Amino acid sequence: MNDISVKKIAINRVVKNQLNSADDIVAIEEPLEIRLVYGSVENRISKNISVTMRTPSNDEELAIGFLFTEGILKNISEVKSLKKDILNENIISIKLNENVTPEIQKLERNFYTTSSCGVCGKSSIDAIRVVSRNTNSTDINIKIKSDLIYELPQMLRQQQSIFDKTGGIHASALFTLEGKFLALKEDVGRHNALDKLIGFCLQNGELNFSNKILLLSGRASFELIQKAAMAGIKLIAAVGAPSSLAVELAMEFDMTLIGFLKEDRFNIYCGAQRIEVA
């Protein structure tokens, strides 16, 4: 058990109208404050960038992934150091090299809000086009067999250690085009899980996401497709449903988006040319 990610609590369990005391394992949810330190040696600036509710673990990867998918970091080489606050493990500071000037204003764009905010889809997609550095990258000839896609959810479940204990956590995973498992990250926030995954890859030298398959354990929301677009991911499969704006965004950036993925079926919402049905 990963003690920093889960905790045991005492509960009352009712089975067939019988009340019993029991223990349950739940995923921990705590805030993480991300601070950015940048500027010249003579004029270093510390700015609070975000507070996100996350499952503790892989906080450095989460911070790096968040800054990258928000368009603030161009690459991992801009980072000088990452450090947790000595007195508060829920605060992390990312120090940039002195010659790096981050584009903080990109955090103020109008599309990283929740799906209930009423943001116009067209203006949101236009904002991403301006920010993303990967949306105009040359597409490679991706061809994925449907039989391979059917196998992905089972491979995902085999790697979900925290979900096995709690049943209440999201996951994002990367696979090669041949279906080889590469990495998985879990979190109570689906967007955090993807940021952790992208941050992990960046820290380990992975720069090309266009030849990978991204698998989401739940639904495909607009925010997740936005983050995938920022990384240049072309093929996304989700166990759950996509939203209308997620489909629009995937179409806009020529992504393949699969939803309702089961062991013998799935829906292709766009990019069907990349799927080879056996």
C-alpha atoms as a PDB file:
ATOM      1  CA  MET A   1       0.000   0.000   0.000  1.00  0.00           C
ATOM      2  CA  ASN A   2       1.199   3.495  -0.882  1.00  0.00           C
ATOM      3  CA  ASP A   3       0.644   5.159   2.493  1.00  0.00           C
ATOM      4  CA  ILE A   4       0.837   8.724   1.168  1.00  0.00           C
ATOM      5  CA  SER A   5      -1.943   8.061  -1.382  1.00  0.00           C
ATOM      6  CA  VAL A   6      -4.491   6.085   0.644  1.00  0.00           C
ATOM      7  CA  LYS A   7      -5.722   5.855   4.230  1.00  0.00           C
ATOM      8  CA  LYS A   8      -7.737   3.407   6.304  1.00  0.00           C
ATOM      9  CA  ILE A   9     -10.934   4.628   7.948  1.00  0.00           C
ATOM     10  CA  ALA A  10     -13.489   2.957  10.214  1.00  0.00           C
ATOM     11  CA  ILE A  11     -16.953   2.585   8.661  1.00  0.00           C
ATOM     12  CA  ASN A  12     -20.306   0.934   9.234  1.00  0.00           C
ATOM     13  CA  ARG A  13     -21.145  -1.604   6.527  1.00  0.00           C
ATOM     14  CA  VAL A  14     -24.691  -2.762   5.856  1.00  0.00           C
ATOM     15  CA  VAL A  15     -25.156  -6.137   4.143  1.00  0.00           C
ATOM     16  CA  LYS A  16     -28.681  -7.548   3.833  1.00  0.00           C
ATOM     17  CA  ASN A  17     -29.902  -5.281   6.625  1.00  0.00           C
ATOM     18  CA  GLN A  18     -27.101  -6.361   8.958  1.00  0.00           C
ATOM     19  CA  LEU A  19     -24.947  -3.559  10.396  1.00  0.00           C
ATOM     20  CA  ASN A  20     -21.285  -4.339  11.047  1.00  0.00           C
ATOM     21  CA  SER A  21     -18.143  -2.385  11.856  1.00  0.00           C
ATOM     22  CA  ALA A  22     -15.427  -2.567   9.245  1.00  0.00           C
ATOM     23  CA  ASP A  23     -12.401  -0.787   7.794  1.00  0.00           C
ATOM     24  CA  ASP A  24     -12.255   0.748   4.345  1.00  0.00           C
ATOM     25  CA  ILE A  25      -9.415   2.146   2.221  1.00  0.00           C
ATOM     26  CA  VAL A  26      -9.995   5.535   0.603  1.00  0.00           C
ATOM     27  CA  ALA A  27      -7.875   7.661  -1.712  1.00  0.00           C
ATOM     28  CA  ILE A  28      -6.399  10.728  -0.021  1.00  0.00           C
ATOM     29  CA  GLU A  29      -7.384  14.114  -1.434  1.00  0.00           C
ATOM     30  CA  GLU A  30      -5.351  17.164  -0.429  1.00  0.00           C
ATOM     31  CA  PRO A  31      -4.533  20.535  -2.025  1.00  0.00           C
ATOM     32  CA  LEU A  32      -1.229  21.097  -3.803  1.00  0.00           C
ATOM     33  CA  GLU A  33      -0.081  24.676  -4.244  1.00  0.00           C
ATOM     34  CA  ILE A  34       2.219  25.156  -7.221  1.00  0.00           C
ATOM     35  CA  ARG A  35       4.585  28.126  -7.033  1.00  0.00           C
ATOM     36  CA  LEU A  36       6.773  29.395  -9.854  1.00  0.00           C
ATOM     37  CA  VAL A  37      10.076  31.178  -9.218  1.00  0.00           C
ATOM     38  CA  TYR A  38      11.557  33.047 -12.188  1.00  0.00           C
ATOM     39  CA  GLY A  39      13.408  36.176 -13.241  1.00  0.00           C
ATOM     40  CA  SER A  40      16.959  37.460 -13.145  1.00  0.00           C
ATOM     41  CA  VAL A  41      19.388  36.754 -10.317  1.00  0.00           C
ATOM     42  CA  GLU A  42      18.849  40.290  -9.016  1.00  0.00           C
ATOM     43  CA  ASN A  43      15.062  40.193  -9.315  1.00  0.00           C
ATOM     44  CA  ARG A  44      13.674  36.727  -8.631  1.00  0.00           C
ATOM     45  CA  ILE A  45       9.864  36.595  -8.561  1.00  0.00           C
ATOM     46  CA  SER A  46       7.813  33.976  -6.691  1.00  0.00           C
ATOM     47  CA  LYS A  47       4.241  33.577  -7.916  1.00  0.00           C
ATOM     48  CA  ASN A  48       1.468  31.223  -6.818  1.00  0.00           C
ATOM     49  CA  ILE A  49       0.309  29.596 -10.044  1.00  0.00           C
ATOM     50  CA  SER A  50      -2.355  27.113  -9.008  1.00  0.00           C
ATOM     51  CA  VAL A  51      -3.953  25.130  -6.224  1.00  0.00           C
ATOM     52  CA  THR A  52      -5.258  21.741  -7.298  1.00  0.00           C
ATOM     53  CA  MET A  53      -6.922  19.007  -5.271  1.00  0.00           C
ATOM     54  CA  ARG A  54      -4.845  15.897  -5.838  1.00  0.00           C
ATOM     55  CA  THR A  55      -3.831  12.523  -4.460  1.00  0.00           C
ATOM     56  CA  PRO A  56      -0.395  12.969  -2.821  1.00  0.00           C
ATOM     57  CA  SER A  57       2.401  11.239  -4.809  1.00  0.00           C
ATOM     58  CA  ASN A  58       4.278  12.203  -7.951  1.00  0.00           C
ATOM     59  CA  ASP A  59       3.868  15.884  -7.061  1.00  0.00           C
ATOM     60  CA  GLU A  60       6.948  16.953  -9.035  1.00  0.00           C
ATOM     61  CA  GLU A  61       5.580  15.201 -12.118  1.00  0.00           C
ATOM     62  CA  LEU A  62       2.203  16.829 -11.561  1.00  0.00           C
ATOM     63  CA  ALA A  63       3.733  20.306 -11.318  1.00  0.00           C
ATOM     64  CA  ILE A  64       5.887  19.836 -14.422  1.00  0.00           C
ATOM     65  CA  GLY A  65       3.015  18.352 -16.411  1.00  0.00           C
ATOM     66  CA  PHE A  66       0.647  21.129 -15.364  1.00  0.00           C
ATOM     67  CA  LEU A  67       3.050  23.905 -16.375  1.00  0.00           C
ATOM     68  CA  PHE A  68       3.692  22.182 -19.711  1.00  0.00           C
ATOM     69  CA  THR A  69       0.047  21.524 -20.595  1.00  0.00           C
ATOM     70  CA  GLU A  70      -0.830  25.086 -19.590  1.00  0.00           C
ATOM     71  CA  GLY A  71       1.747  26.410 -22.065  1.00  0.00           C
ATOM     72  CA  ILE A  72       4.013  28.009 -19.456  1.00  0.00           C
ATOM     73  CA  LEU A  73       6.930  25.600 -19.904  1.00  0.00           C
ATOM     74  CA  LYS A  74       8.311  24.901 -23.375  1.00  0.00           C
ATOM     75  CA  ASN A  75      10.507  22.011 -22.265  1.00  0.00           C
ATOM     76  CA  ILE A  76      12.005  20.422 -19.164  1.00  0.00           C
ATOM     77  CA  SER A  77      15.390  22.107 -19.704  1.00  0.00           C
ATOM     78  CA  GLU A  78      13.881  25.418 -18.548  1.00  0.00           C
ATOM     79  CA  VAL A  79      13.529  24.033 -15.007  1.00  0.00           C
ATOM     80  CA  LYS A  80      16.402  24.711 -12.628  1.00  0.00           C
ATOM     81  CA  SER A  81      15.003  22.872  -9.600  1.00  0.00           C
ATOM     82  CA  LEU A  82      11.859  21.562  -7.913  1.00  0.00           C
ATOM     83  CA  LYS A  83      11.482  21.643  -4.166  1.00  0.00           C
ATOM     84  CA  LYS A  84       8.821  20.854  -1.593  1.00  0.00           C
ATOM     85  CA  ASP A  85       8.277  23.368   1.202  1.00  0.00           C
ATOM     86  CA  ILE A  86      10.085  22.189   4.347  1.00  0.00           C
ATOM     87  CA  LEU A  87       7.136  23.030   6.600  1.00  0.00           C
ATOM     88  CA  ASN A  88       4.308  22.109   4.234  1.00  0.00           C
ATOM     89  CA  GLU A  89       4.404  19.064   1.950  1.00  0.00           C
ATOM     90  CA  ASN A  90       1.422  20.480   0.049  1.00  0.00           C
ATOM     91  CA  ILE A  91       3.456  23.327  -1.439  1.00  0.00           C
ATOM     92  CA  ILE A  92       5.920  22.823  -4.275  1.00  0.00           C
ATOM     93  CA  SER A  93       8.145  25.446  -5.889  1.00  0.00           C
ATOM     94  CA  ILE A  94       9.481  25.178  -9.424  1.00  0.00           C
ATOM     95  CA  LYS A  95      12.498  27.395 -10.037  1.00  0.00           C
ATOM     96  CA  LEU A  96      13.214  28.306 -13.655  1.00  0.00           C
ATOM     97  CA  ASN A  97      16.605  29.147 -15.106  1.00  0.00           C
ATOM     98  CA  GLU A  98      17.462  32.843 -14.909  1.00  0.00           C
ATOM     99  CA  ASN A  99      17.274  33.288 -18.699  1.00  0.00           C
ATOM    100  CA  VAL A 100      13.726  31.897 -18.929  1.00  0.00           C
ATOM    101  CA  THR A 101      10.753  34.264 -19.036  1.00  0.00           C
ATOM    102  CA  PRO A 102       7.546  32.288 -18.562  1.00  0.00           C
ATOM    103  CA  GLU A 103       4.339  33.405 -20.254  1.00  0.00           C
ATOM    104  CA  ILE A 104       2.259  33.693 -17.097  1.00  0.00           C
ATOM    105  CA  GLN A 105      -0.593  35.373 -18.959  1.00  0.00           C
ATOM    106  CA  LYS A 106      -1.413  32.050 -20.588  1.00  0.00           C
ATOM    107  CA  LEU A 107      -2.980  30.951 -17.324  1.00  0.00           C
ATOM    108  CA  GLU A 108      -5.563  33.681 -17.821  1.00  0.00           C
ATOM    109  CA  ARG A 109      -6.987  32.216 -21.040  1.00  0.00           C
ATOM    110  CA  ASN A 110     -10.646  31.327 -20.894  1.00  0.00           C
ATOM    111  CA  PHE A 111     -10.685  27.574 -21.418  1.00  0.00           C
ATOM    112  CA  TYR A 112      -9.327  25.899 -18.294  1.00  0.00           C
ATOM    113  CA  THR A 113     -12.586  26.322 -16.412  1.00  0.00           C
ATOM    114  CA  THR A 114     -15.110  23.597 -15.670  1.00  0.00           C
ATOM    115  CA  SER A 115     -17.609  22.287 -18.191  1.00  0.00           C
ATOM    116  CA  SER A 116     -20.429  24.079 -16.363  1.00  0.00           C
ATOM    117  CA  CYS A 117     -19.022  27.565 -16.882  1.00  0.00           C
ATOM    118  CA  GLY A 118     -20.732  28.224 -20.206  1.00  0.00           C
ATOM    119  CA  VAL A 119     -17.512  29.035 -22.080  1.00  0.00           C
ATOM    120  CA  CYS A 120     -18.019  29.340 -25.826  1.00  0.00           C
ATOM    121  CA  GLY A 121     -16.553  26.298 -27.551  1.00  0.00           C
ATOM    122  CA  LYS A 122     -15.203  28.247 -30.528  1.00  0.00           C
ATOM    123  CA  SER A 123     -13.384  30.820 -28.409  1.00  0.00           C
ATOM    124  CA  SER A 124     -11.979  28.040 -26.232  1.00  0.00           C
ATOM    125  CA  ILE A 125     -10.619  26.117 -29.209  1.00  0.00           C
ATOM    126  CA  ASP A 126      -9.170  29.306 -30.701  1.00  0.00           C
ATOM    127  CA  ALA A 127      -7.380  29.949 -27.394  1.00  0.00           C
ATOM    128  CA  ILE A 128      -5.791  26.502 -27.483  1.00  0.00           C
ATOM    129  CA  ARG A 129      -4.643  27.020 -31.072  1.00  0.00           C
ATOM    130  CA  VAL A 130      -2.778  30.134 -29.963  1.00  0.00           C
ATOM    131  CA  VAL A 131      -1.157  28.475 -26.953  1.00  0.00           C
ATOM    132  CA  SER A 132      -0.279  24.987 -28.193  1.00  0.00           C
ATOM    133  CA  ARG A 133       3.125  24.371 -29.741  1.00  0.00           C
ATOM    134  CA  ASN A 134       2.237  20.907 -31.010  1.00  0.00           C
ATOM    135  CA  THR A 135      -1.001  21.316 -32.957  1.00  0.00           C
ATOM    136  CA  ASN A 136       0.738  22.010 -36.256  1.00  0.00           C
ATOM    137  CA  SER A 137       3.209  19.135 -36.037  1.00  0.00           C
ATOM    138  CA  THR A 138       3.392  16.817 -39.026  1.00  0.00           C
ATOM    139  CA  ASP A 139       1.107  13.846 -38.559  1.00  0.00           C
ATOM    140  CA  ILE A 140       2.602  10.390 -38.847  1.00  0.00           C
ATOM    141  CA  ASN A 141       0.857   7.502 -40.567  1.00  0.00           C
ATOM    142  CA  ILE A 142      -0.766   5.958 -37.502  1.00  0.00           C
ATOM    143  CA  LYS A 143      -2.649   2.739 -38.113  1.00  0.00           C
ATOM    144  CA  ILE A 144      -4.012   0.833 -35.127  1.00  0.00           C
ATOM    145  CA  LYS A 145      -5.774  -2.521 -35.358  1.00  0.00           C
ATOM    146  CA  SER A 146      -9.081  -2.759 -33.535  1.00  0.00           C
ATOM    147  CA  ASP A 147      -7.995  -6.017 -31.846  1.00  0.00           C
ATOM    148  CA  LEU A 148      -5.169  -4.124 -30.131  1.00  0.00           C
ATOM    149  CA  ILE A 149      -7.524  -1.404 -28.908  1.00  0.00           C
ATOM    150  CA  TYR A 150      -9.841  -3.982 -27.295  1.00  0.00           C
ATOM    151  CA  GLU A 151      -6.938  -5.141 -25.097  1.00  0.00           C
ATOM    152  CA  LEU A 152      -6.049  -1.730 -23.653  1.00  0.00           C
ATOM    153  CA  PRO A 153      -8.616  -1.497 -20.797  1.00  0.00           C
ATOM    154  CA  GLN A 154      -7.507  -4.832 -19.333  1.00  0.00           C
ATOM    155  CA  MET A 155      -3.855  -3.772 -19.465  1.00  0.00           C
ATOM    156  CA  LEU A 156      -4.846  -0.519 -17.768  1.00  0.00           C
ATOM    157  CA  ARG A 157      -6.656  -2.303 -14.946  1.00  0.00           C
ATOM    158  CA  GLN A 158      -3.653  -4.537 -14.298  1.00  0.00           C
ATOM    159  CA  GLN A 159      -1.599  -1.416 -13.523  1.00  0.00           C
ATOM    160  CA  GLN A 160      -4.147   0.443 -11.340  1.00  0.00           C
ATOM    161  CA  SER A 161      -2.801  -0.355  -7.891  1.00  0.00           C
ATOM    162  CA  ILE A 162      -4.546   2.484  -6.044  1.00  0.00           C
ATOM    163  CA  PHE A 163      -7.869   1.860  -7.791  1.00  0.00           C
ATOM    164  CA  ASP A 164      -7.709  -1.777  -6.655  1.00  0.00           C
ATOM    165  CA  LYS A 165      -7.610  -0.595  -3.039  1.00  0.00           C
ATOM    166  CA  THR A 166     -10.049   2.316  -3.210  1.00  0.00           C
ATOM    167  CA  GLY A 167     -12.278   1.969  -6.289  1.00  0.00           C
ATOM    168  CA  GLY A 168     -12.396   5.760  -6.503  1.00  0.00           C
ATOM    169  CA  ILE A 169      -9.514   7.088  -8.549  1.00  0.00           C
ATOM    170  CA  HIS A 170      -8.790   8.031 -12.176  1.00  0.00           C
ATOM    171  CA  ALA A 171      -5.921   6.870 -14.364  1.00  0.00           C
ATOM    172  CA  SER A 172      -4.154   7.942 -17.550  1.00  0.00           C
ATOM    173  CA  ALA A 173      -1.820   5.562 -19.368  1.00  0.00           C
ATOM    174  CA  LEU A 174       0.458   5.614 -22.400  1.00  0.00           C
ATOM    175  CA  PHE A 175       1.030   2.738 -24.811  1.00  0.00           C
ATOM    176  CA  THR A 176       3.111   2.336 -27.943  1.00  0.00           C
ATOM    177  CA  LEU A 177       1.349   1.919 -31.287  1.00  0.00           C
ATOM    178  CA  GLU A 178       2.045  -1.804 -30.919  1.00  0.00           C
ATOM    179  CA  GLY A 179       0.195  -1.912 -27.600  1.00  0.00           C
ATOM    180  CA  LYS A 180       3.193  -2.063 -25.268  1.00  0.00           C
ATOM    181  CA  PHE A 181       2.473  -0.488 -21.868  1.00  0.00           C
ATOM    182  CA  LEU A 182       4.740   2.486 -21.104  1.00  0.00           C
ATOM    183  CA  ALA A 183       3.466   4.329 -18.033  1.00  0.00           C
ATOM    184  CA  LEU A 184       0.411   4.999 -15.875  1.00  0.00           C
ATOM    185  CA  LYS A 185      -0.453   7.602 -13.255  1.00  0.00           C
ATOM    186  CA  GLU A 186      -3.445   7.735 -10.883  1.00  0.00           C
ATOM    187  CA  ASP A 187      -5.160  10.589  -9.063  1.00  0.00           C
ATOM    188  CA  VAL A 188      -8.542  11.618  -7.670  1.00  0.00           C
ATOM    189  CA  GLY A 189      -8.534  14.309 -10.372  1.00  0.00           C
ATOM    190  CA  ARG A 190      -8.586  13.013 -13.944  1.00  0.00           C
ATOM    191  CA  HIS A 191      -6.710  16.133 -15.118  1.00  0.00           C
ATOM    192  CA  ASN A 192      -4.054  15.575 -12.438  1.00  0.00           C
ATOM    193  CA  ALA A 193      -3.534  11.979 -13.558  1.00  0.00           C
ATOM    194  CA  LEU A 194      -2.810  13.168 -17.094  1.00  0.00           C
ATOM    195  CA  ASP A 195      -0.530  15.975 -15.917  1.00  0.00           C
ATOM    196  CA  LYS A 196       1.391  13.471 -13.772  1.00  0.00           C
ATOM    197  CA  LEU A 197       1.757  11.174 -16.782  1.00  0.00           C
ATOM    198  CA  ILE A 198       2.983  13.918 -19.111  1.00  0.00           C
ATOM    199  CA  GLY A 199       5.283  15.301 -16.412  1.00  0.00           C
ATOM    200  CA  PHE A 200       6.744  11.831 -15.822  1.00  0.00           C
ATOM    201  CA  CYS A 201       7.463  11.423 -19.528  1.00  0.00           C
ATOM    202  CA  LEU A 202       9.074  14.849 -19.811  1.00  0.00           C
ATOM    203  CA  GLN A 203      11.307  14.187 -16.802  1.00  0.00           C
ATOM    204  CA  ASN A 204      12.412  10.933 -18.423  1.00  0.00           C
ATOM    205  CA  GLY A 205      13.326  12.531 -21.729  1.00  0.00           C
ATOM    206  CA  GLU A 206      10.203  11.700 -23.745  1.00  0.00           C
ATOM    207  CA  LEU A 207       9.518  14.490 -26.226  1.00  0.00           C
ATOM    208  CA  ASN A 208       7.436  12.779 -28.918  1.00  0.00           C
ATOM    209  CA  PHE A 209       3.877  11.948 -27.914  1.00  0.00           C
ATOM    210  CA  SER A 210       2.457  11.755 -31.439  1.00  0.00           C
ATOM    211  CA  ASN A 211       3.376   8.067 -31.777  1.00  0.00           C
ATOM    212  CA  LYS A 212       1.712   7.009 -28.526  1.00  0.00           C
ATOM    213  CA  ILE A 213      -1.789   5.917 -27.494  1.00  0.00           C
ATOM    214  CA  LEU A 214      -3.343   7.733 -24.532  1.00  0.00           C
ATOM    215  CA  LEU A 215      -5.896   5.705 -22.552  1.00  0.00           C
ATOM    216  CA  LEU A 216      -8.247   7.386 -20.068  1.00  0.00           C
ATOM    217  CA  SER A 217      -9.949   5.332 -17.352  1.00  0.00           C
ATOM    218  CA  GLY A 218     -13.125   7.442 -17.395  1.00  0.00           C
ATOM    219  CA  ARG A 219     -14.796   9.962 -19.636  1.00  0.00           C
ATOM    220  CA  ALA A 220     -13.007  12.172 -22.170  1.00  0.00           C
ATOM    221  CA  SER A 221     -13.617  15.737 -21.016  1.00  0.00           C
ATOM    222  CA  PHE A 222     -12.676  18.903 -22.855  1.00  0.00           C
ATOM    223  CA  GLU A 223      -9.875  19.614 -20.380  1.00  0.00           C
ATOM    224  CA  LEU A 224      -8.225  16.237 -20.991  1.00  0.00           C
ATOM    225  CA  ILE A 225      -8.341  16.625 -24.768  1.00  0.00           C
ATOM    226  CA  GLN A 226      -6.880  20.124 -24.357  1.00  0.00           C
ATOM    227  CA  LYS A 227      -3.957  18.758 -22.338  1.00  0.00           C
ATOM    228  CA  ALA A 228      -3.424  15.962 -24.864  1.00  0.00           C
ATOM    229  CA  ALA A 229      -3.416  18.522 -27.686  1.00  0.00           C
ATOM    230  CA  MET A 230      -0.781  20.554 -25.850  1.00  0.00           C
ATOM    231  CA  ALA A 231       1.433  17.458 -25.736  1.00  0.00           C
ATOM    232  CA  GLY A 232       0.835  16.616 -29.413  1.00  0.00           C
ATOM    233  CA  ILE A 233      -1.008  13.343 -28.719  1.00  0.00           C
ATOM    234  CA  LYS A 234      -2.911  12.109 -31.763  1.00  0.00           C
ATOM    235  CA  LEU A 235      -4.750   9.017 -30.543  1.00  0.00           C
ATOM    236  CA  ILE A 236      -6.948   8.983 -27.433  1.00  0.00           C
ATOM    237  CA  ALA A 237      -9.120   6.140 -26.170  1.00  0.00           C
ATOM    238  CA  ALA A 238     -11.477   6.516 -23.209  1.00  0.00           C
ATOM    239  CA  VAL A 239     -13.360   3.888 -21.252  1.00  0.00           C
ATOM    240  CA  GLY A 240     -16.192   6.390 -20.789  1.00  0.00           C
ATOM    241  CA  ALA A 241     -18.006   8.953 -22.895  1.00  0.00           C
ATOM    242  CA  PRO A 242     -16.643  12.117 -24.496  1.00  0.00           C
ATOM    243  CA  SER A 243     -18.317  15.493 -24.173  1.00  0.00           C
ATOM    244  CA  SER A 244     -19.459  17.441 -27.219  1.00  0.00           C
ATOM    245  CA  LEU A 245     -16.704  20.030 -26.806  1.00  0.00           C
ATOM    246  CA  ALA A 246     -14.098  17.284 -26.405  1.00  0.00           C
ATOM    247  CA  VAL A 247     -15.175  15.882 -29.780  1.00  0.00           C
ATOM    248  CA  GLU A 248     -15.070  19.334 -31.383  1.00  0.00           C
ATOM    249  CA  LEU A 249     -11.571  19.937 -30.060  1.00  0.00           C
ATOM    250  CA  ALA A 250     -10.314  16.523 -31.191  1.00  0.00           C
ATOM    251  CA  MET A 251     -11.742  17.152 -34.673  1.00  0.00           C
ATOM    252  CA  GLU A 252     -10.180  20.620 -34.814  1.00  0.00           C
ATOM    253  CA  PHE A 253      -6.710  19.212 -34.150  1.00  0.00           C
ATOM    254  CA  ASP A 254      -7.035  16.069 -36.255  1.00  0.00           C
ATOM    255  CA  MET A 255      -6.993  13.653 -33.325  1.00  0.00           C
ATOM    256  CA  THR A 256      -8.499  10.204 -33.204  1.00  0.00           C
ATOM    257  CA  LEU A 257     -10.944  10.017 -30.316  1.00  0.00           C
ATOM    258  CA  ILE A 258     -12.431   6.711 -29.131  1.00  0.00           C
ATOM    259  CA  GLY A 259     -15.048   6.418 -26.410  1.00  0.00           C
ATOM    260  CA  PHE A 260     -17.019   3.715 -24.586  1.00  0.00           C
ATOM    261  CA  LEU A 261     -14.108   1.309 -25.027  1.00  0.00           C
ATOM    262  CA  LYS A 262     -14.991  -2.245 -23.988  1.00  0.00           C
ATOM    263  CA  GLU A 263     -13.411  -5.629 -24.643  1.00  0.00           C
ATOM    264  CA  ASP A 264     -15.402  -6.090 -27.852  1.00  0.00           C
ATOM    265  CA  ARG A 265     -16.647  -2.643 -28.920  1.00  0.00           C
ATOM    266  CA  PHE A 266     -15.922   1.077 -29.046  1.00  0.00           C
ATOM    267  CA  ASN A 267     -17.159   4.273 -30.703  1.00  0.00           C
ATOM    268  CA  ILE A 268     -14.948   6.349 -33.004  1.00  0.00           C
ATOM    269  CA  TYR A 269     -15.923  10.008 -32.719  1.00  0.00           C
ATOM    270  CA  CYS A 270     -13.295  11.359 -35.116  1.00  0.00           C
ATOM    271  CA  GLY A 271     -10.101  10.290 -36.827  1.00  0.00           C
ATOM    272  CA  ALA A 272     -11.451   6.928 -38.030  1.00  0.00           C
ATOM    273  CA  GLN A 273      -8.771   6.795 -40.740  1.00  0.00           C
ATOM    274  CA  ARG A 274      -6.267   5.683 -38.093  1.00  0.00           C
ATOM    275  CA  ILE A 275      -8.289   2.637 -36.998  1.00  0.00           C
ATOM    276  CA  GLU A 276      -7.982  -0.594 -38.931  1.00  0.00           C
ATOM    277  CA  VAL A 277     -10.970  -2.819 -38.219  1.00  0.00           C
ATOM    278  CA  ALA A 278      -9.933  -6.469 -38.457  1.00  0.00           C
END
